[in-house]
Protein backbone atom coordinates (compact mmCIF):
# COMPACT_ATOMS: atom_id res chain seq x y z
CA MET A 1 -0.05 -0.05 0.00
CA ASN A 2 0.94 3.30 -1.02
CA VAL A 3 -0.19 5.37 2.13
CA ALA A 4 0.32 8.26 0.72
CA ARG A 5 -2.01 7.43 -2.33
CA VAL A 6 -4.86 5.64 -0.37
CA SER A 7 -5.03 8.13 2.40
CA PRO A 8 -2.83 11.48 1.51
CA PRO A 9 -1.00 13.32 4.25
CA VAL A 10 -2.89 16.18 5.34
CA ASN A 11 -1.68 19.80 5.12
CA HIS A 12 0.31 20.96 8.12
CA ALA A 13 0.49 24.88 7.05
CA GLN A 14 2.41 27.22 9.80
CA ASP A 15 -1.20 29.45 9.50
CA ALA A 16 -3.26 26.65 9.95
CA ARG A 17 -1.38 26.36 13.64
CA ALA A 18 -1.84 29.51 14.08
CA THR A 19 -5.84 29.31 13.50
CA LEU A 20 -5.81 26.77 15.66
CA LYS A 21 -3.90 28.38 18.55
CA GLU A 22 -6.57 30.74 18.36
CA ARG A 23 -9.43 28.78 18.76
CA LYS A 24 -11.05 28.43 22.09
CA PRO A 25 -10.98 24.95 23.36
CA ILE A 26 -13.09 22.26 23.71
CA VAL A 27 -12.81 19.20 26.33
CA ASN A 28 -14.61 17.09 28.19
CA TRP A 29 -12.93 16.24 30.60
CA GLU A 30 -14.28 12.48 30.73
CA ILE A 31 -12.67 11.77 27.31
CA PHE A 32 -9.80 10.43 29.04
CA ARG A 33 -10.77 6.93 29.76
CA ALA A 34 -8.64 3.82 31.69
CA TYR A 35 -6.65 3.53 28.63
CA ASP A 36 -7.15 6.22 25.97
CA ILE A 37 -9.03 9.21 24.65
CA ARG A 38 -12.26 8.73 23.43
CA GLY A 39 -15.35 10.78 23.01
CA VAL A 40 -17.81 12.64 20.24
CA TYR A 41 -16.78 14.88 17.98
CA PRO A 42 -16.33 17.96 18.14
CA THR A 43 -18.51 18.32 21.36
CA ASP A 44 -16.37 16.30 23.30
CA LEU A 45 -12.68 16.52 21.70
CA ASP A 46 -12.02 18.56 18.88
CA GLU A 47 -8.69 20.02 16.75
CA GLU A 48 -7.70 22.22 19.62
CA ALA A 49 -7.82 19.78 22.40
CA CYS A 50 -5.85 17.21 20.35
CA TYR A 51 -3.11 20.24 19.04
CA ARG A 52 -3.21 20.59 23.11
CA ILE A 53 -2.84 17.43 23.99
CA ALA A 54 0.56 16.68 21.93
CA LYS A 55 1.96 19.24 23.49
CA ILE A 56 1.12 17.69 27.06
CA TYR A 57 2.55 14.77 25.79
CA THR A 58 5.33 16.66 25.21
CA LEU A 59 5.94 18.50 28.18
CA LEU A 60 5.71 15.03 29.99
CA PHE A 61 7.27 12.70 27.82
CA HIS A 62 9.77 14.21 25.92
CA PRO A 63 9.85 12.68 23.13
CA LYS A 64 12.43 13.53 20.10
CA VAL A 65 10.53 11.56 17.36
CA VAL A 66 6.86 10.55 17.13
CA ALA A 67 5.00 8.48 14.68
CA VAL A 68 1.20 9.80 14.06
CA GLY A 69 -1.58 7.63 12.16
CA ARG A 70 -4.87 7.41 11.69
CA ASP A 71 -8.20 5.60 11.45
CA ALA A 72 -10.58 5.84 8.47
CA ARG A 73 -13.18 8.25 10.74
CA VAL A 74 -14.53 11.59 8.72
CA SER A 75 -12.94 13.41 11.38
CA SER A 76 -9.61 11.84 11.71
CA PRO A 77 -7.61 14.37 9.43
CA GLN A 78 -8.04 17.15 10.64
CA LEU A 79 -7.29 16.06 13.98
CA SER A 80 -4.49 14.28 12.90
CA GLU A 81 -3.38 17.55 11.33
CA SER A 82 -3.86 18.80 14.67
CA VAL A 83 -1.69 16.23 16.83
CA ILE A 84 1.10 16.44 13.78
CA SER A 85 0.60 20.51 14.43
CA GLY A 86 1.26 20.77 18.42
CA PHE A 87 4.49 18.24 18.24
CA VAL A 88 6.05 20.44 15.65
CA ASP A 89 5.10 23.77 17.30
CA ALA A 90 6.82 21.78 20.80
CA GLY A 91 9.84 21.03 18.59
CA VAL A 92 8.96 17.70 17.85
CA ASP A 93 10.22 15.69 14.55
CA VAL A 94 7.32 13.70 13.43
CA ILE A 95 6.51 10.61 10.81
CA ASP A 96 3.42 11.11 9.13
CA ILE A 97 2.13 7.08 9.02
CA GLY A 98 -0.98 8.18 7.37
CA GLY A 99 -4.13 6.26 7.20
CA ILE A 100 -3.52 2.87 9.25
CA THR A 101 -4.56 0.11 11.41
CA THR A 102 -3.74 0.64 15.30
CA ASP A 103 -1.76 -1.95 15.63
CA MET A 104 0.44 -0.43 12.56
CA LEU A 105 1.22 2.36 14.79
CA TYR A 106 2.54 0.06 17.37
CA PHE A 107 4.71 -1.42 15.17
CA ALA A 108 6.11 1.76 13.85
CA VAL A 109 6.97 3.15 17.16
CA GLY A 110 8.56 -0.31 17.94
CA ALA A 111 10.07 -1.62 14.71
CA TYR A 112 12.24 1.75 14.08
CA ASP A 113 12.71 2.75 17.61
CA TYR A 114 10.53 5.95 17.63
CA SER A 115 9.97 8.08 21.14
CA GLY A 116 6.38 7.55 20.76
CA GLY A 117 3.23 7.62 18.70
CA ILE A 118 -0.45 8.27 18.72
CA VAL A 119 -2.87 6.60 16.77
CA VAL A 120 -6.11 9.27 16.09
CA SER A 121 -9.13 6.20 16.39
CA ALA A 122 -12.09 5.51 18.13
CA SER A 123 -11.72 1.98 17.79
CA HIS A 124 -15.17 0.63 17.31
CA ASN A 125 -17.43 3.41 18.64
CA PRO A 126 -20.42 4.96 16.54
CA LYS A 127 -19.00 7.21 13.74
CA GLU A 128 -19.57 10.47 15.97
CA TYR A 129 -16.88 9.12 17.77
CA ASN A 130 -13.05 9.87 17.67
CA GLY A 131 -10.20 9.72 20.40
CA MET A 132 -6.18 8.44 20.42
CA LYS A 133 -4.56 5.84 21.59
CA MET A 134 -0.97 6.65 22.78
CA VAL A 135 2.29 4.88 23.07
CA ARG A 136 6.18 5.67 24.59
CA GLU A 137 8.70 4.21 23.57
CA LYS A 138 9.18 0.47 22.33
CA ALA A 139 5.07 0.87 21.63
CA ALA A 140 4.54 1.07 25.66
CA ALA A 141 1.13 1.54 25.90
CA ILE A 142 -0.14 5.07 28.31
CA SER A 143 -2.96 4.98 30.57
CA SER A 144 -4.94 5.69 33.50
CA ASP A 145 -2.02 3.92 35.50
CA THR A 146 1.03 5.32 32.79
CA GLY A 147 0.20 9.00 32.47
CA LEU A 148 -2.85 9.38 30.79
CA PHE A 149 -4.53 11.23 34.00
CA ASP A 150 -1.47 13.34 34.14
CA ILE A 151 -2.05 14.55 30.51
CA ARG A 152 -5.59 15.19 31.69
CA ASP A 153 -4.86 16.91 34.39
CA ALA A 154 -1.44 18.96 32.87
CA LEU A 155 -4.28 19.86 30.42
CA LYS A 156 -6.23 21.06 32.96
CA ALA A 157 -3.51 23.05 34.62
CA GLY A 158 -2.91 24.97 31.36
CA LYS A 159 0.37 23.99 30.87
CA ASP A 160 0.37 23.21 27.44
CA LYS A 161 0.98 27.00 27.33
CA GLU A 162 4.62 26.30 28.47
CA VAL A 163 5.52 24.31 26.01
CA LYS A 164 7.43 25.95 23.02
CA SER A 165 10.26 25.73 20.87
CA ASP A 166 12.97 28.19 19.13
CA LYS A 167 12.74 25.17 16.22
CA PRO A 168 9.91 23.34 15.19
CA GLY A 169 10.16 19.74 14.54
CA THR A 170 9.97 18.72 10.87
CA ILE A 171 7.22 16.37 9.20
CA LYS A 172 8.36 13.48 7.35
CA GLN A 173 5.55 10.99 5.73
CA LYS A 174 6.32 7.11 5.54
CA ASP A 175 4.74 4.20 4.03
CA VAL A 176 5.43 1.60 6.52
CA LEU A 177 2.96 -1.47 5.36
CA GLU A 178 5.57 -3.63 3.84
CA ASP A 179 7.60 -3.65 6.87
CA TYR A 180 4.84 -4.68 8.58
CA LEU A 181 3.45 -6.99 6.72
CA LYS A 182 7.24 -9.03 6.85
CA HIS A 183 7.27 -8.52 10.34
CA VAL A 184 3.74 -9.85 10.72
CA LEU A 185 4.31 -13.05 8.28
CA GLY A 186 7.38 -13.59 10.05
CA PHE A 187 4.98 -15.46 12.95
CA ILE A 188 4.18 -18.27 10.83
CA ASP A 189 5.89 -20.70 7.79
CA PRO A 190 4.51 -19.53 4.53
CA THR A 191 5.62 -22.31 2.45
CA VAL A 192 2.92 -24.83 4.66
CA ILE A 193 -0.35 -22.13 3.97
CA LYS A 194 -3.09 -23.96 1.90
CA PRO A 195 -5.37 -21.93 -0.64
CA PHE A 196 -8.36 -21.64 1.84
CA THR A 197 -11.28 -19.70 0.82
CA PHE A 198 -12.45 -17.30 3.68
CA VAL A 199 -14.70 -14.78 4.53
CA GLY A 200 -13.37 -11.76 5.89
CA ASN A 201 -14.89 -8.05 7.08
CA ALA A 202 -13.22 -5.47 7.27
CA ASN A 203 -15.82 -3.04 8.58
CA PHE A 204 -14.60 -0.43 6.31
CA GLY A 205 -11.18 0.02 8.03
CA TYR A 206 -7.73 -0.06 6.74
CA VAL A 207 -7.14 -3.24 7.31
CA CYS A 208 -8.54 -3.74 3.72
CA TYR A 209 -5.10 -2.99 2.24
CA GLY A 210 -3.07 -5.33 4.41
CA ALA A 211 -5.15 -8.32 4.59
CA SER A 212 -5.79 -8.04 0.57
CA ALA A 213 -1.40 -7.94 0.33
CA ILE A 214 -1.74 -11.07 2.79
CA VAL A 215 -4.24 -13.04 0.51
CA LYS A 216 -2.22 -12.26 -2.76
CA LYS A 217 1.35 -13.44 -1.01
CA LEU A 218 -0.39 -16.62 0.67
CA GLY A 219 -2.40 -17.37 -2.51
CA LEU A 220 -5.61 -17.18 -0.36
CA ASN A 221 -9.37 -16.31 -2.24
CA LEU A 222 -11.07 -13.98 -0.09
CA LEU A 223 -14.32 -13.56 -0.13
CA PRO A 224 -14.52 -9.50 1.05
CA LEU A 225 -17.32 -7.68 3.27
CA ASN A 226 -17.12 -3.80 3.78
CA PHE A 227 -13.54 -3.85 1.92
CA VAL A 228 -13.49 -0.08 0.96
CA PRO A 229 -12.25 2.26 3.56
CA ASP A 230 -15.69 4.52 4.86
CA GLY A 231 -15.80 6.23 8.00
CA THR A 232 -19.46 6.88 7.78
CA PHE A 233 -19.45 3.33 8.79
CA PRO A 234 -22.95 3.08 6.92
CA LYS A 235 -23.89 -0.29 8.57
CA GLY A 236 -23.71 0.86 12.03
CA PRO A 237 -20.54 0.78 14.87
CA PRO A 238 -18.17 -1.23 13.43
CA ASP A 239 -17.62 -4.13 16.10
CA PRO A 240 -17.79 -7.32 15.54
CA MET A 241 -18.64 -8.19 18.98
CA LEU A 242 -22.43 -6.81 18.67
CA PRO A 243 -24.43 -10.04 17.81
CA GLU A 244 -26.17 -7.62 14.76
CA ASN A 245 -23.13 -7.02 13.71
CA ARG A 246 -21.50 -10.87 12.88
CA ILE A 247 -24.86 -11.70 11.02
CA GLU A 248 -23.80 -10.80 7.12
CA THR A 249 -20.81 -12.76 8.11
CA GLU A 250 -21.88 -15.68 9.63
CA ARG A 251 -24.43 -15.82 6.42
CA LEU A 252 -21.92 -15.49 3.68
CA VAL A 253 -19.75 -18.61 5.44
CA ARG A 254 -23.10 -20.41 5.65
CA ASN A 255 -23.84 -19.90 2.14
CA SER A 256 -20.31 -20.19 0.61
CA ASP A 257 -17.44 -22.86 1.30
CA ALA A 258 -15.47 -20.50 3.13
CA SER A 259 -13.42 -22.59 5.37
CA PHE A 260 -13.49 -20.19 8.30
CA GLY A 261 -14.62 -16.07 8.82
CA VAL A 262 -12.76 -13.57 9.88
CA ALA A 263 -13.91 -9.80 11.27
CA TRP A 264 -11.89 -7.04 12.67
CA ASP A 265 -12.91 -3.95 14.16
CA ALA A 266 -12.61 -0.60 12.23
CA ASP A 267 -8.88 -0.07 13.58
CA ALA A 268 -8.45 -3.48 13.27
CA ASP A 269 -6.50 -4.37 16.28
CA ARG A 270 -8.84 -6.99 17.17
CA CYS A 271 -10.39 -10.03 15.31
CA MET A 272 -13.08 -12.34 15.67
CA PHE A 273 -13.17 -16.02 14.16
CA PHE A 274 -16.36 -17.98 12.84
CA THR A 275 -15.83 -21.84 12.02
CA GLU A 276 -16.95 -23.07 8.50
CA LYS A 277 -20.47 -23.35 9.75
CA GLY A 278 -20.75 -19.87 10.36
CA GLU A 279 -20.83 -19.71 13.74
CA PHE A 280 -19.17 -17.10 15.98
CA ILE A 281 -16.16 -18.28 18.41
CA SER A 282 -15.74 -16.38 21.68
CA GLY A 283 -12.08 -14.79 22.40
CA ALA A 284 -12.25 -16.55 25.57
CA TYR A 285 -12.27 -20.29 23.06
CA ILE A 286 -9.49 -18.13 20.78
CA THR A 287 -7.13 -17.36 23.38
CA ALA A 288 -7.55 -20.45 24.90
CA LEU A 289 -6.36 -21.79 21.22
CA LEU A 290 -3.59 -19.29 20.42
CA ALA A 291 -1.86 -20.15 23.63
CA ASP A 292 -1.98 -23.77 22.79
CA ILE A 293 -0.69 -23.01 19.68
CA LEU A 294 1.86 -20.27 20.93
CA LEU A 295 3.31 -22.64 23.35
CA THR A 296 3.72 -25.55 21.15
CA LYS A 297 5.86 -23.26 18.89
CA GLN A 298 7.85 -21.52 21.66
CA GLY A 299 7.63 -23.93 24.45
CA ASN A 300 5.65 -24.92 27.81
CA ASP A 301 7.99 -22.76 29.71
CA ASN A 302 5.94 -19.64 29.44
CA LYS A 303 3.79 -17.26 31.01
CA ILE A 304 -0.24 -16.71 29.30
CA VAL A 305 -1.68 -13.33 30.25
CA PHE A 306 -5.61 -13.19 30.05
CA ASP A 307 -8.53 -11.00 31.30
CA PRO A 308 -10.79 -12.16 34.16
CA ARG A 309 -14.27 -11.82 32.18
CA VAL A 310 -13.82 -15.85 31.02
CA ILE A 311 -10.76 -17.96 32.39
CA TRP A 312 -11.23 -21.69 33.02
CA PRO A 313 -10.40 -22.62 28.66
CA ALA A 314 -7.20 -20.72 29.16
CA GLN A 315 -6.62 -21.79 32.13
CA LYS A 316 -7.01 -25.33 31.19
CA VAL A 317 -4.62 -25.08 28.61
CA CYS A 318 -1.84 -23.35 30.95
CA ALA A 319 -2.55 -26.19 33.40
CA GLN A 320 -2.38 -29.30 30.37
CA ARG A 321 0.42 -27.48 29.21
CA GLY A 322 2.35 -26.71 32.70
CA ALA A 323 2.19 -22.90 31.67
CA GLN A 324 1.96 -20.46 34.07
CA ALA A 325 -1.58 -18.63 33.91
CA ILE A 326 -1.62 -15.50 34.94
CA ILE A 327 -5.13 -13.16 35.15
CA ALA A 328 -4.88 -9.42 34.32
CA LYS A 329 -6.42 -6.37 34.54
CA GLY A 330 -9.06 -6.04 31.06
CA GLY A 331 -7.78 -3.42 28.49
CA HIS A 332 -4.99 -2.90 26.09
CA ALA A 333 -2.76 -0.91 28.30
CA PHE A 334 -3.04 -2.79 31.30
CA MET A 335 -2.74 -6.28 29.40
CA LYS A 336 0.39 -4.94 28.02
CA GLU A 337 2.24 -3.64 30.93
CA ARG A 338 1.43 -6.54 32.27
CA MET A 339 2.82 -8.89 30.46
CA ARG A 340 6.34 -6.48 30.08
CA ARG A 341 6.54 -6.96 33.59
CA GLU A 342 6.38 -11.09 33.42
CA ASN A 343 7.60 -11.20 29.93
CA ALA A 344 5.22 -13.35 28.94
CA LEU A 345 4.41 -15.08 25.72
CA PHE A 346 1.19 -14.43 24.82
CA ALA A 347 -2.07 -12.51 25.85
CA GLY A 348 -5.61 -12.65 25.08
CA GLU A 349 -8.77 -10.78 26.05
CA MET A 350 -12.22 -12.10 25.48
CA SER A 351 -12.77 -8.81 23.46
CA GLY A 352 -10.82 -10.33 20.85
CA HIS A 353 -7.48 -7.89 21.82
CA TYR A 354 -4.12 -10.64 21.00
CA TYR A 355 -0.70 -9.74 22.39
CA PHE A 356 2.54 -11.10 21.08
CA ARG A 357 5.90 -10.75 23.05
CA ASP A 358 7.45 -10.78 19.85
CA ASN A 359 5.32 -8.12 18.70
CA PHE A 360 6.46 -5.29 21.12
CA TYR A 361 4.26 -6.67 23.54
CA ALA A 362 1.82 -5.08 21.98
CA ASP A 363 -2.00 -6.45 20.73
CA ASN A 364 -2.11 -7.20 16.81
CA GLY A 365 -5.16 -7.97 14.80
CA MET A 366 -3.76 -9.81 11.53
CA ILE A 367 -1.41 -12.27 13.93
CA PRO A 368 -3.88 -14.61 14.81
CA PHE A 369 -5.46 -14.66 11.65
CA LEU A 370 -2.23 -15.93 10.00
CA LEU A 371 -1.59 -18.32 13.09
CA VAL A 372 -5.41 -19.89 12.79
CA ILE A 373 -4.48 -19.96 9.07
CA GLU A 374 -1.13 -21.49 9.70
CA HIS A 375 -3.04 -24.37 12.09
CA LEU A 376 -5.85 -25.02 9.61
CA SER A 377 -3.03 -25.97 7.15
CA LYS A 378 -1.23 -27.52 9.56
CA THR A 379 -3.84 -29.93 10.88
CA GLY A 380 -6.14 -30.56 8.04
CA LYS A 381 -9.21 -30.44 10.28
CA PRO A 382 -12.37 -28.29 10.25
CA PHE A 383 -12.42 -25.21 11.94
CA SER A 384 -15.05 -26.67 14.52
CA GLU A 385 -13.48 -29.25 15.35
CA ILE A 386 -10.54 -28.22 15.83
CA MET A 387 -12.08 -25.79 18.55
CA ARG A 388 -13.96 -28.56 20.03
CA PRO A 389 -11.46 -29.50 22.83
CA TYR A 390 -11.33 -25.96 24.17
CA MET A 391 -15.35 -25.83 24.24
CA GLU A 392 -16.55 -29.01 25.85
CA GLY A 393 -17.70 -29.30 29.13
CA HIS A 394 -17.42 -25.49 29.05
CA TYR A 395 -20.82 -23.09 29.36
CA MET A 396 -20.73 -19.56 29.13
CA SER A 397 -23.31 -16.53 28.54
CA GLY A 398 -21.31 -14.40 26.34
CA GLU A 399 -20.75 -10.80 27.68
CA LEU A 400 -23.85 -9.23 28.86
CA ASN A 401 -24.11 -5.50 29.19
CA TYR A 402 -26.38 -3.24 31.56
CA HIS A 403 -27.75 0.19 31.81
CA VAL A 404 -27.71 1.01 35.38
CA LYS A 405 -27.96 4.08 37.47
CA ASP A 406 -25.19 3.77 40.04
CA ILE A 407 -22.73 1.04 38.47
CA LYS A 408 -20.53 1.06 42.13
CA LYS A 409 -24.08 0.10 44.13
CA VAL A 410 -25.04 -2.55 41.70
CA ILE A 411 -21.86 -4.10 41.73
CA GLY A 412 -21.62 -3.66 45.83
CA ASP A 413 -25.27 -5.93 46.30
CA VAL A 414 -23.95 -8.66 43.83
CA LYS A 415 -21.23 -8.98 46.13
CA THR A 416 -23.28 -8.97 49.56
CA ARG A 417 -25.62 -11.70 48.32
CA PHE A 418 -22.16 -13.97 46.29
CA SER A 419 -19.17 -12.96 48.74
CA LYS A 420 -19.76 -16.30 50.75
CA ASP A 421 -20.78 -19.21 47.89
CA GLY A 422 -17.14 -18.86 46.53
CA GLN A 423 -13.54 -17.45 46.52
CA GLU A 424 -13.27 -13.41 45.56
CA ASP A 425 -11.24 -11.99 43.15
CA TYR A 426 -11.14 -7.86 42.54
CA THR A 427 -8.58 -7.67 39.34
CA ASP A 428 -10.77 -6.18 37.73
CA GLY A 429 -14.30 -5.45 38.75
CA TYR A 430 -15.84 -8.41 41.27
CA SER A 431 -15.08 -11.99 40.47
CA LEU A 432 -16.09 -15.02 42.35
CA GLU A 433 -15.34 -18.74 41.85
CA THR A 434 -16.69 -22.09 43.03
CA SER A 435 -16.37 -25.55 41.59
CA ASP A 436 -18.78 -25.60 39.31
CA TRP A 437 -19.87 -21.55 38.18
CA ARG A 438 -18.01 -18.17 38.08
CA PHE A 439 -18.63 -14.70 37.17
CA ASN A 440 -17.11 -11.68 36.79
CA ILE A 441 -18.91 -8.38 36.44
CA ARG A 442 -17.12 -5.07 36.21
CA PRO A 443 -18.14 -1.23 34.64
CA SER A 444 -17.13 -1.17 30.78
CA ASN A 445 -13.57 1.18 30.54
CA THR A 446 -15.00 2.28 27.03
CA GLU A 447 -18.98 2.81 27.44
CA PRO A 448 -21.49 3.63 30.33
CA LEU A 449 -22.30 0.06 30.52
CA LEU A 450 -21.89 -2.34 33.18
CA ARG A 451 -20.94 -6.01 31.84
CA LEU A 452 -21.32 -9.52 33.27
CA ASN A 453 -20.14 -13.14 32.19
CA VAL A 454 -20.48 -15.96 33.29
CA GLU A 455 -19.03 -19.47 33.03
CA ALA A 456 -20.12 -22.93 34.33
CA ARG A 457 -19.13 -26.50 33.73
CA ARG A 458 -22.35 -28.07 34.08
CA PRO A 459 -25.70 -26.77 31.96
CA GLY A 460 -28.35 -25.15 33.51
CA LEU A 461 -25.91 -23.21 35.95
CA VAL A 462 -25.47 -20.60 33.86
CA GLU A 463 -28.86 -19.40 33.08
CA LYS A 464 -29.34 -20.06 37.35
CA ILE A 465 -26.42 -17.52 38.47
CA LYS A 466 -27.87 -14.78 35.62
CA ALA A 467 -30.94 -14.70 36.38
CA GLU A 468 -30.32 -14.21 40.17
CA ILE A 469 -27.85 -11.47 39.28
CA GLU A 470 -30.00 -9.91 37.09
CA THR A 471 -32.66 -9.40 40.27
CA ILE A 472 -30.22 -7.48 41.72
CA ILE A 473 -29.28 -5.44 38.37
CA ASN A 474 -32.66 -4.49 38.07
CA ALA A 475 -32.10 -4.46 34.14
CA GLU A 476 -32.58 -6.16 31.05
CA PRO A 477 -29.25 -6.65 29.00
CA ARG A 478 -29.20 -4.35 26.25
């Protein structure tokens, strides 16, 4: 892909920067979330806010060279321009990598040894949203625990006005796609890949370019869905975790000779899978599968990290392999931080984020796709048969979302009811485990929702525990 061709760099004229500096800022402080910045454009987050955030980033982290990219949203070009302008005015050199997937930013910062980077993106949120994901050197994520709230507080104090430079930074454009593809293909043996037919749903994001290139390199047959970038997201929120957004992928897999389906969210740092029967596979089971694959490749004496929503499938693989299982707080910034601390081989989240030690401890939406293709090629078995050992004897609710007025109170009431029934855990929200069933209830870090996951070892228990918890929540799933 030629980034300059498919998503031309924006104009970074000095007079545009001057105009930004004169504008009245619009900042809703609630846009600073646990592991990224996300809000409605332009009421919560506008060009002035992005300009000022870049200057605060410079004040706190002292970068010399940063990468800046953007997703396909309609508002992303102008917000990306403002981020770049803020860095340039602060004396920081910028590598503009244009329209990308979020995992391409992580790759660029890690592979080229930049001081840090920002991708302008609101991930899977509806079209009216935008935001930023930020990293420091070596693609280390910036979260609420590692500087994101410091950026917010410095911005509140107006400290961006202190950031000045006698020498403006420079701007260079760089196409990172070919290097990125070489990197992700290094996780597999391309010579064993069979010419599968598969359904790929790009959800109108820039992953279409990388996926199309891989299809050509590996001799695959792609049945594309939503493979033209469109930041208006004409089919609704670009989130394949929503059941209604999976219907067309499921239908096309069932009605074709596809061996499997894959869907990415709009910024493609997440991917979800479907069997040859068009059945959606929970990220809890894909985490177990990928852990098994990577332990086979790199040895059982490794650590595997996963979030606390649904843990038994991954725990089972670790126990069978003799690998160390580690439960960590969910969210890409927290998972990466824990992986680095533990030097873990792999981490997975039920949400479809998958992280790799050999990918700068960062999440990536293409590597899981390649590992699954390689595994299918080596085994010669249908995807549904491959997944059966990870799913047998395990029952789960899937993630249930509820709108409630007081999330903290509801979680407290659930704790009061169940605390004596089993072992409690507070890694992320509230979890309770017995020998036969387990649940995790937690507030969303990206939306005003309460999330519930229930898993069990016997049929009927998921429904029983779910119904009892819902009497406390006093709300129907969204």
